[in-house]
Amino acid sequence: MSHTSRYFARLTMIFLLFFMMSCTKQNQEGNTVESSSELSSESIENSSADSNKISIKSSSGDSKEMSKNSVSTDKESSNEETTKPPLESLNENQVQAIQTAKDYLDTMPLSQTELLQMLTVENINLEDAKFALEYLDIDWNQAARKKAKEYCKHKIGFSKVKLKAQLLFDHFTEEEADFALSHIHVNWVEQAKIVAKEYMEDGVSSKEDLIDVLMNEGFTKKEAEKATVKVGLK
């Protein structure tokens, strides 16, 4: 199998993984039709209350550290507390957008662009979708980290270079992708071993050739050499 064919094969596996997670989300919704048809505000209110508690606690900590600027800090804290409107003041479409976004994020890690696309597929207009993302105050760095871990967990076989490329393909920013890669613990040799086995099944049998193809996949020479040893080529 050529490098191009193998790339598309791996890409197909990624799409299948993403599709399976989407189906899981839809199945979960199917089992809770009655409850989801009502405005599921209770969980969001709890989340909003927790966020307000954290905001108040953080504001208190900041005021202690910046005692010289206590007046301006108090004003900023007051502004932060009133930035997020109470849930009961939102219209039905906004509440639906918030709950739908939360449901998706509970099922799978998504980039901002991916989540917006999912919401529009759910017939939520773009303005309400963007409002929901701002309201939930999502940490996109953590979303990228979770998605990177998800890819590695399913043993598709990624080098650090290819994993970053995949996160960028998923519409995470450069900064978010870099954060993800620097905050996950991945055994890149084991990842190289997965890819090495695939190439050996396709007929690559010499150590030198296998090292070359692994380096073409973005693994370092050291990772490639260790992987070839692990698959029995010495």
C-alpha atoms as a PDB file:
ATOM      1  CA  MET A   1       0.000   0.000   0.000  1.00  0.00           C
ATOM      2  CA  SER A   2       1.407   3.426  -0.948  1.00  0.00           C
ATOM      3  CA  HIS A   3       1.927   6.248   1.539  1.00  0.00           C
ATOM      4  CA  THR A   4      -1.059   8.092   0.059  1.00  0.00           C
ATOM      5  CA  SER A   5      -3.309   5.047   0.293  1.00  0.00           C
ATOM      6  CA  ARG A   6      -2.259   4.438   3.879  1.00  0.00           C
ATOM      7  CA  TYR A   7      -2.949   8.061   4.761  1.00  0.00           C
ATOM      8  CA  PHE A   8      -6.484   7.832   3.409  1.00  0.00           C
ATOM      9  CA  ALA A   9      -6.997   4.510   5.176  1.00  0.00           C
ATOM     10  CA  ARG A  10      -6.037   6.097   8.484  1.00  0.00           C
ATOM     11  CA  LEU A  11      -8.200   9.114   7.716  1.00  0.00           C
ATOM     12  CA  THR A  12     -11.125   6.758   7.096  1.00  0.00           C
ATOM     13  CA  MET A  13     -10.553   5.168  10.510  1.00  0.00           C
ATOM     14  CA  ILE A  14     -10.632   8.620  12.096  1.00  0.00           C
ATOM     15  CA  PHE A  15     -13.901   9.491  10.390  1.00  0.00           C
ATOM     16  CA  LEU A  16     -15.381   6.174  11.525  1.00  0.00           C
ATOM     17  CA  LEU A  17     -14.306   6.924  15.095  1.00  0.00           C
ATOM     18  CA  PHE A  18     -15.885  10.361  14.911  1.00  0.00           C
ATOM     19  CA  PHE A  19     -19.060   8.866  13.386  1.00  0.00           C
ATOM     20  CA  MET A  20     -19.306   6.277  16.158  1.00  0.00           C
ATOM     21  CA  MET A  21     -19.043   8.973  18.828  1.00  0.00           C
ATOM     22  CA  SER A  22     -21.749  10.977  17.030  1.00  0.00           C
ATOM     23  CA  CYS A  23     -24.003   7.912  16.940  1.00  0.00           C
ATOM     24  CA  THR A  24     -23.444   7.417  20.666  1.00  0.00           C
ATOM     25  CA  LYS A  25     -24.613  10.954  21.259  1.00  0.00           C
ATOM     26  CA  GLN A  26     -27.714  10.408  19.121  1.00  0.00           C
ATOM     27  CA  ASN A  27     -28.538   7.157  20.915  1.00  0.00           C
ATOM     28  CA  GLN A  28     -28.268   8.876  24.253  1.00  0.00           C
ATOM     29  CA  GLU A  29     -30.646  11.561  23.031  1.00  0.00           C
ATOM     30  CA  GLY A  30     -33.040   8.896  21.752  1.00  0.00           C
ATOM     31  CA  ASN A  31     -33.255   7.349  25.216  1.00  0.00           C
ATOM     32  CA  THR A  32     -34.153  10.694  26.781  1.00  0.00           C
ATOM     33  CA  VAL A  33     -36.584  12.222  24.304  1.00  0.00           C
ATOM     34  CA  GLU A  34     -39.141  13.261  26.909  1.00  0.00           C
ATOM     35  CA  SER A  35     -36.632  14.915  29.197  1.00  0.00           C
ATOM     36  CA  SER A  36     -34.760  16.628  26.380  1.00  0.00           C
ATOM     37  CA  SER A  37     -37.976  18.050  24.909  1.00  0.00           C
ATOM     38  CA  GLU A  38     -38.310  20.131  28.073  1.00  0.00           C
ATOM     39  CA  LEU A  39     -35.826  22.894  28.776  1.00  0.00           C
ATOM     40  CA  SER A  40     -33.070  21.125  30.706  1.00  0.00           C
ATOM     41  CA  SER A  41     -32.238  24.179  32.713  1.00  0.00           C
ATOM     42  CA  GLU A  42     -31.490  22.588  36.072  1.00  0.00           C
ATOM     43  CA  SER A  43     -28.082  21.206  35.115  1.00  0.00           C
ATOM     44  CA  ILE A  44     -27.110  24.447  33.407  1.00  0.00           C
ATOM     45  CA  GLU A  45     -28.259  26.475  36.427  1.00  0.00           C
ATOM     46  CA  ASN A  46     -26.053  24.337  38.655  1.00  0.00           C
ATOM     47  CA  SER A  47     -23.170  24.847  36.241  1.00  0.00           C
ATOM     48  CA  SER A  48     -23.852  28.568  36.172  1.00  0.00           C
ATOM     49  CA  ALA A  49     -23.961  28.684  39.970  1.00  0.00           C
ATOM     50  CA  ASP A  50     -20.645  26.820  40.204  1.00  0.00           C
ATOM     51  CA  SER A  51     -19.095  29.201  37.689  1.00  0.00           C
ATOM     52  CA  ASN A  52     -20.271  32.180  39.700  1.00  0.00           C
ATOM     53  CA  LYS A  53     -18.782  30.673  42.876  1.00  0.00           C
ATOM     54  CA  ILE A  54     -15.448  30.169  41.131  1.00  0.00           C
ATOM     55  CA  SER A  55     -15.587  33.693  39.712  1.00  0.00           C
ATOM     56  CA  ILE A  56     -16.274  35.187  43.155  1.00  0.00           C
ATOM     57  CA  LYS A  57     -13.479  33.114  44.718  1.00  0.00           C
ATOM     58  CA  SER A  58     -11.013  34.138  42.007  1.00  0.00           C
ATOM     59  CA  SER A  59     -12.005  37.799  42.367  1.00  0.00           C
ATOM     60  CA  SER A  60     -11.363  37.584  46.102  1.00  0.00           C
ATOM     61  CA  GLY A  61      -7.933  36.080  45.527  1.00  0.00           C
ATOM     62  CA  ASP A  62      -7.032  38.725  42.989  1.00  0.00           C
ATOM     63  CA  SER A  63      -8.046  41.563  45.305  1.00  0.00           C
ATOM     64  CA  LYS A  64      -5.713  40.246  48.009  1.00  0.00           C
ATOM     65  CA  GLU A  65      -2.789  40.014  45.627  1.00  0.00           C
ATOM     66  CA  MET A  66      -3.426  43.476  44.181  1.00  0.00           C
ATOM     67  CA  SER A  67      -4.268  45.456  47.322  1.00  0.00           C
ATOM     68  CA  LYS A  68      -2.865  48.679  45.853  1.00  0.00           C
ATOM     69  CA  ASN A  69      -5.439  48.546  43.066  1.00  0.00           C
ATOM     70  CA  SER A  70      -8.336  47.329  45.200  1.00  0.00           C
ATOM     71  CA  VAL A  71     -10.797  49.915  43.856  1.00  0.00           C
ATOM     72  CA  SER A  72     -10.261  49.032  40.195  1.00  0.00           C
ATOM     73  CA  THR A  73     -10.171  45.329  41.042  1.00  0.00           C
ATOM     74  CA  ASP A  74     -13.556  45.566  42.743  1.00  0.00           C
ATOM     75  CA  LYS A  75     -14.997  47.207  39.650  1.00  0.00           C
ATOM     76  CA  GLU A  76     -13.571  44.512  37.394  1.00  0.00           C
ATOM     77  CA  SER A  77     -14.922  41.796  39.685  1.00  0.00           C
ATOM     78  CA  SER A  78     -18.347  43.381  39.616  1.00  0.00           C
ATOM     79  CA  ASN A  79     -18.266  43.497  35.823  1.00  0.00           C
ATOM     80  CA  GLU A  80     -17.226  39.835  35.636  1.00  0.00           C
ATOM     81  CA  GLU A  81     -20.110  38.801  37.897  1.00  0.00           C
ATOM     82  CA  THR A  82     -22.676  40.561  35.712  1.00  0.00           C
ATOM     83  CA  THR A  83     -21.234  39.472  32.352  1.00  0.00           C
ATOM     84  CA  LYS A  84     -23.130  36.167  32.226  1.00  0.00           C
ATOM     85  CA  PRO A  85     -26.898  36.708  32.273  1.00  0.00           C
ATOM     86  CA  PRO A  86     -29.009  34.426  34.479  1.00  0.00           C
ATOM     87  CA  LEU A  87     -30.464  31.435  32.657  1.00  0.00           C
ATOM     88  CA  GLU A  88     -34.041  32.474  33.291  1.00  0.00           C
ATOM     89  CA  SER A  89     -33.449  35.671  31.333  1.00  0.00           C
ATOM     90  CA  LEU A  90     -32.499  33.784  28.161  1.00  0.00           C
ATOM     91  CA  ASN A  91     -34.917  32.907  25.420  1.00  0.00           C
ATOM     92  CA  GLU A  92     -35.867  29.338  24.524  1.00  0.00           C
ATOM     93  CA  ASN A  93     -33.548  29.126  21.496  1.00  0.00           C
ATOM     94  CA  GLN A  94     -30.543  30.246  23.535  1.00  0.00           C
ATOM     95  CA  VAL A  95     -31.247  27.711  26.276  1.00  0.00           C
ATOM     96  CA  GLN A  96     -31.643  24.961  23.672  1.00  0.00           C
ATOM     97  CA  ALA A  97     -28.345  25.944  22.049  1.00  0.00           C
ATOM     98  CA  ILE A  98     -26.552  25.863  25.418  1.00  0.00           C
ATOM     99  CA  GLN A  99     -27.952  22.448  26.341  1.00  0.00           C
ATOM    100  CA  THR A 100     -27.225  20.954  22.910  1.00  0.00           C
ATOM    101  CA  ALA A 101     -23.650  22.230  22.981  1.00  0.00           C
ATOM    102  CA  LYS A 102     -23.195  20.810  26.477  1.00  0.00           C
ATOM    103  CA  ASP A 103     -24.578  17.438  25.344  1.00  0.00           C
ATOM    104  CA  TYR A 104     -22.083  17.266  22.485  1.00  0.00           C
ATOM    105  CA  LEU A 105     -19.150  18.191  24.702  1.00  0.00           C
ATOM    106  CA  ASP A 106     -20.194  15.544  27.230  1.00  0.00           C
ATOM    107  CA  THR A 107     -20.043  12.967  24.423  1.00  0.00           C
ATOM    108  CA  MET A 108     -16.906  13.929  22.508  1.00  0.00           C
ATOM    109  CA  PRO A 109     -14.164  16.583  22.482  1.00  0.00           C
ATOM    110  CA  LEU A 110     -14.649  19.099  19.674  1.00  0.00           C
ATOM    111  CA  SER A 111     -12.956  22.216  18.391  1.00  0.00           C
ATOM    112  CA  GLN A 112     -14.894  25.476  18.314  1.00  0.00           C
ATOM    113  CA  THR A 113     -15.493  25.193  14.564  1.00  0.00           C
ATOM    114  CA  GLU A 114     -16.623  21.572  14.838  1.00  0.00           C
ATOM    115  CA  LEU A 115     -19.052  22.373  17.640  1.00  0.00           C
ATOM    116  CA  LEU A 116     -20.537  25.286  15.727  1.00  0.00           C
ATOM    117  CA  GLN A 117     -21.005  22.986  12.741  1.00  0.00           C
ATOM    118  CA  MET A 118     -22.733  20.395  14.941  1.00  0.00           C
ATOM    119  CA  LEU A 119     -25.101  22.984  16.349  1.00  0.00           C
ATOM    120  CA  THR A 120     -26.067  24.281  12.924  1.00  0.00           C
ATOM    121  CA  VAL A 121     -26.794  20.707  11.855  1.00  0.00           C
ATOM    122  CA  GLU A 122     -29.218  20.635  14.812  1.00  0.00           C
ATOM    123  CA  ASN A 123     -31.022  23.594  13.172  1.00  0.00           C
ATOM    124  CA  ILE A 124     -29.668  26.081  15.685  1.00  0.00           C
ATOM    125  CA  ASN A 125     -28.910  29.407  14.061  1.00  0.00           C
ATOM    126  CA  LEU A 126     -25.336  30.643  14.094  1.00  0.00           C
ATOM    127  CA  GLU A 127     -26.018  33.579  16.407  1.00  0.00           C
ATOM    128  CA  ASP A 128     -27.525  31.347  19.107  1.00  0.00           C
ATOM    129  CA  ALA A 129     -24.741  28.788  18.601  1.00  0.00           C
ATOM    130  CA  LYS A 130     -22.033  31.407  19.151  1.00  0.00           C
ATOM    131  CA  PHE A 131     -23.896  32.714  22.187  1.00  0.00           C
ATOM    132  CA  ALA A 132     -23.982  29.197  23.667  1.00  0.00           C
ATOM    133  CA  LEU A 133     -20.222  28.762  23.266  1.00  0.00           C
ATOM    134  CA  GLU A 134     -19.543  32.103  24.938  1.00  0.00           C
ATOM    135  CA  TYR A 135     -21.982  31.307  27.738  1.00  0.00           C
ATOM    136  CA  LEU A 136     -20.366  27.936  28.479  1.00  0.00           C
ATOM    137  CA  ASP A 137     -16.901  29.546  28.487  1.00  0.00           C
ATOM    138  CA  ILE A 138     -15.242  26.439  27.012  1.00  0.00           C
ATOM    139  CA  ASP A 139     -11.532  25.770  27.509  1.00  0.00           C
ATOM    140  CA  TRP A 140     -10.503  24.909  23.950  1.00  0.00           C
ATOM    141  CA  ASN A 141      -6.985  23.984  25.062  1.00  0.00           C
ATOM    142  CA  GLN A 142      -8.447  21.228  27.207  1.00  0.00           C
ATOM    143  CA  ALA A 143     -10.767  20.176  24.395  1.00  0.00           C
ATOM    144  CA  ALA A 144      -7.749  19.740  22.119  1.00  0.00           C
ATOM    145  CA  ARG A 145      -5.929  17.772  24.809  1.00  0.00           C
ATOM    146  CA  LYS A 146      -8.896  15.445  25.299  1.00  0.00           C
ATOM    147  CA  LYS A 147      -9.209  14.843  21.570  1.00  0.00           C
ATOM    148  CA  ALA A 148      -5.508  14.087  21.240  1.00  0.00           C
ATOM    149  CA  LYS A 149      -5.836  11.520  24.045  1.00  0.00           C
ATOM    150  CA  GLU A 150      -8.874  10.028  22.327  1.00  0.00           C
ATOM    151  CA  TYR A 151      -6.952   9.501  19.080  1.00  0.00           C
ATOM    152  CA  CYS A 152      -4.067   7.804  20.868  1.00  0.00           C
ATOM    153  CA  LYS A 153      -6.384   5.638  22.960  1.00  0.00           C
ATOM    154  CA  HIS A 154      -7.915   4.024  19.857  1.00  0.00           C
ATOM    155  CA  LYS A 155      -4.495   2.860  18.639  1.00  0.00           C
ATOM    156  CA  ILE A 156      -4.706   4.352  15.160  1.00  0.00           C
ATOM    157  CA  GLY A 157      -0.976   5.076  15.239  1.00  0.00           C
ATOM    158  CA  PHE A 158       0.142   8.708  15.320  1.00  0.00           C
ATOM    159  CA  SER A 159       3.501  10.374  15.401  1.00  0.00           C
ATOM    160  CA  LYS A 160       3.648  13.689  17.230  1.00  0.00           C
ATOM    161  CA  VAL A 161       3.840  15.460  13.881  1.00  0.00           C
ATOM    162  CA  LYS A 162       0.817  13.631  12.447  1.00  0.00           C
ATOM    163  CA  LEU A 163      -1.210  14.081  15.625  1.00  0.00           C
ATOM    164  CA  LYS A 164      -0.695  17.827  15.513  1.00  0.00           C
ATOM    165  CA  ALA A 165      -1.645  17.836  11.834  1.00  0.00           C
ATOM    166  CA  GLN A 166      -4.825  15.941  12.709  1.00  0.00           C
ATOM    167  CA  LEU A 167      -5.764  18.438  15.419  1.00  0.00           C
ATOM    168  CA  LEU A 168      -5.249  21.288  12.966  1.00  0.00           C
ATOM    169  CA  PHE A 169      -7.396  19.385  10.461  1.00  0.00           C
ATOM    170  CA  ASP A 170     -10.067  19.255  13.179  1.00  0.00           C
ATOM    171  CA  HIS A 171      -9.908  23.083  13.238  1.00  0.00           C
ATOM    172  CA  PHE A 172      -8.078  23.522  16.510  1.00  0.00           C
ATOM    173  CA  THR A 173      -5.706  26.482  16.425  1.00  0.00           C
ATOM    174  CA  GLU A 174      -1.925  26.139  16.371  1.00  0.00           C
ATOM    175  CA  GLU A 175      -1.766  27.231  20.003  1.00  0.00           C
ATOM    176  CA  GLU A 176      -4.453  24.767  21.079  1.00  0.00           C
ATOM    177  CA  ALA A 177      -2.744  21.892  19.261  1.00  0.00           C
ATOM    178  CA  ASP A 178       0.626  22.755  20.812  1.00  0.00           C
ATOM    179  CA  PHE A 179      -0.970  22.902  24.262  1.00  0.00           C
ATOM    180  CA  ALA A 180      -2.533  19.464  23.721  1.00  0.00           C
ATOM    181  CA  LEU A 181       0.728  17.852  22.662  1.00  0.00           C
ATOM    182  CA  SER A 182       2.621  19.320  25.598  1.00  0.00           C
ATOM    183  CA  HIS A 183       0.014  18.175  28.133  1.00  0.00           C
ATOM    184  CA  ILE A 184      -0.541  14.531  27.189  1.00  0.00           C
ATOM    185  CA  HIS A 185       1.608  11.553  28.044  1.00  0.00           C
ATOM    186  CA  VAL A 186       2.099   9.473  24.903  1.00  0.00           C
ATOM    187  CA  ASN A 187       4.515   6.621  24.327  1.00  0.00           C
ATOM    188  CA  TRP A 188       5.539   7.596  20.798  1.00  0.00           C
ATOM    189  CA  VAL A 189       7.531   4.385  20.374  1.00  0.00           C
ATOM    190  CA  GLU A 190       4.356   2.385  20.965  1.00  0.00           C
ATOM    191  CA  GLN A 191       2.580   4.572  18.437  1.00  0.00           C
ATOM    192  CA  ALA A 192       5.407   3.906  15.979  1.00  0.00           C
ATOM    193  CA  LYS A 193       5.088   0.196  16.686  1.00  0.00           C
ATOM    194  CA  ILE A 194       1.402   0.278  15.619  1.00  0.00           C
ATOM    195  CA  VAL A 195       2.324   1.907  12.319  1.00  0.00           C
ATOM    196  CA  ALA A 196       5.327  -0.389  11.849  1.00  0.00           C
ATOM    197  CA  LYS A 197       3.115  -3.476  12.098  1.00  0.00           C
ATOM    198  CA  GLU A 198       0.808  -2.059   9.441  1.00  0.00           C
ATOM    199  CA  TYR A 199       3.697  -1.519   7.047  1.00  0.00           C
ATOM    200  CA  MET A 200       5.072  -4.986   7.725  1.00  0.00           C
ATOM    201  CA  GLU A 201       1.680  -6.449   6.830  1.00  0.00           C
ATOM    202  CA  ASP A 202       1.995  -4.583   3.527  1.00  0.00           C
ATOM    203  CA  GLY A 203       5.358  -6.170   2.773  1.00  0.00           C
ATOM    204  CA  VAL A 204       7.989  -3.896   4.299  1.00  0.00           C
ATOM    205  CA  SER A 205      10.439  -6.389   5.743  1.00  0.00           C
ATOM    206  CA  SER A 206      13.862  -4.776   6.114  1.00  0.00           C
ATOM    207  CA  LYS A 207      14.840  -2.718   9.131  1.00  0.00           C
ATOM    208  CA  GLU A 208      16.202   0.117   7.013  1.00  0.00           C
ATOM    209  CA  ASP A 209      13.055   0.423   4.902  1.00  0.00           C
ATOM    210  CA  LEU A 210      10.842   0.306   7.946  1.00  0.00           C
ATOM    211  CA  ILE A 211      12.829   3.044   9.666  1.00  0.00           C
ATOM    212  CA  ASP A 212      12.543   5.165   6.521  1.00  0.00           C
ATOM    213  CA  VAL A 213       8.746   4.836   6.274  1.00  0.00           C
ATOM    214  CA  LEU A 214       8.310   5.526   9.981  1.00  0.00           C
ATOM    215  CA  MET A 215      10.369   8.685   9.673  1.00  0.00           C
ATOM    216  CA  ASN A 216       8.201   9.661   6.705  1.00  0.00           C
ATOM    217  CA  GLU A 217       5.237   9.266   9.057  1.00  0.00           C
ATOM    218  CA  GLY A 218       6.787  11.903  11.317  1.00  0.00           C
ATOM    219  CA  PHE A 219       8.493   9.732  13.931  1.00  0.00           C
ATOM    220  CA  THR A 220      12.006  10.596  15.007  1.00  0.00           C
ATOM    221  CA  LYS A 221      14.855   8.320  13.996  1.00  0.00           C
ATOM    222  CA  LYS A 222      15.222   7.147  17.596  1.00  0.00           C
ATOM    223  CA  GLU A 223      11.499   6.325  17.858  1.00  0.00           C
ATOM    224  CA  ALA A 224      11.603   4.505  14.519  1.00  0.00           C
ATOM    225  CA  GLU A 225      14.651   2.451  15.494  1.00  0.00           C
ATOM    226  CA  LYS A 226      13.118   1.411  18.817  1.00  0.00           C
ATOM    227  CA  ALA A 227       9.852   0.485  17.106  1.00  0.00           C
ATOM    228  CA  THR A 228      11.605  -1.775  14.586  1.00  0.00           C
ATOM    229  CA  VAL A 229      13.241  -3.641  17.465  1.00  0.00           C
ATOM    230  CA  LYS A 230       9.864  -4.055  19.171  1.00  0.00           C
ATOM    231  CA  VAL A 231       8.354  -5.641  16.047  1.00  0.00           C
ATOM    232  CA  GLY A 232      11.258  -8.101  15.787  1.00  0.00           C
ATOM    233  CA  LEU A 233      13.599  -6.485  13.249  1.00  0.00           C
ATOM    234  CA  LYS A 234      17.144  -6.285  14.596  1.00  0.00           C
END
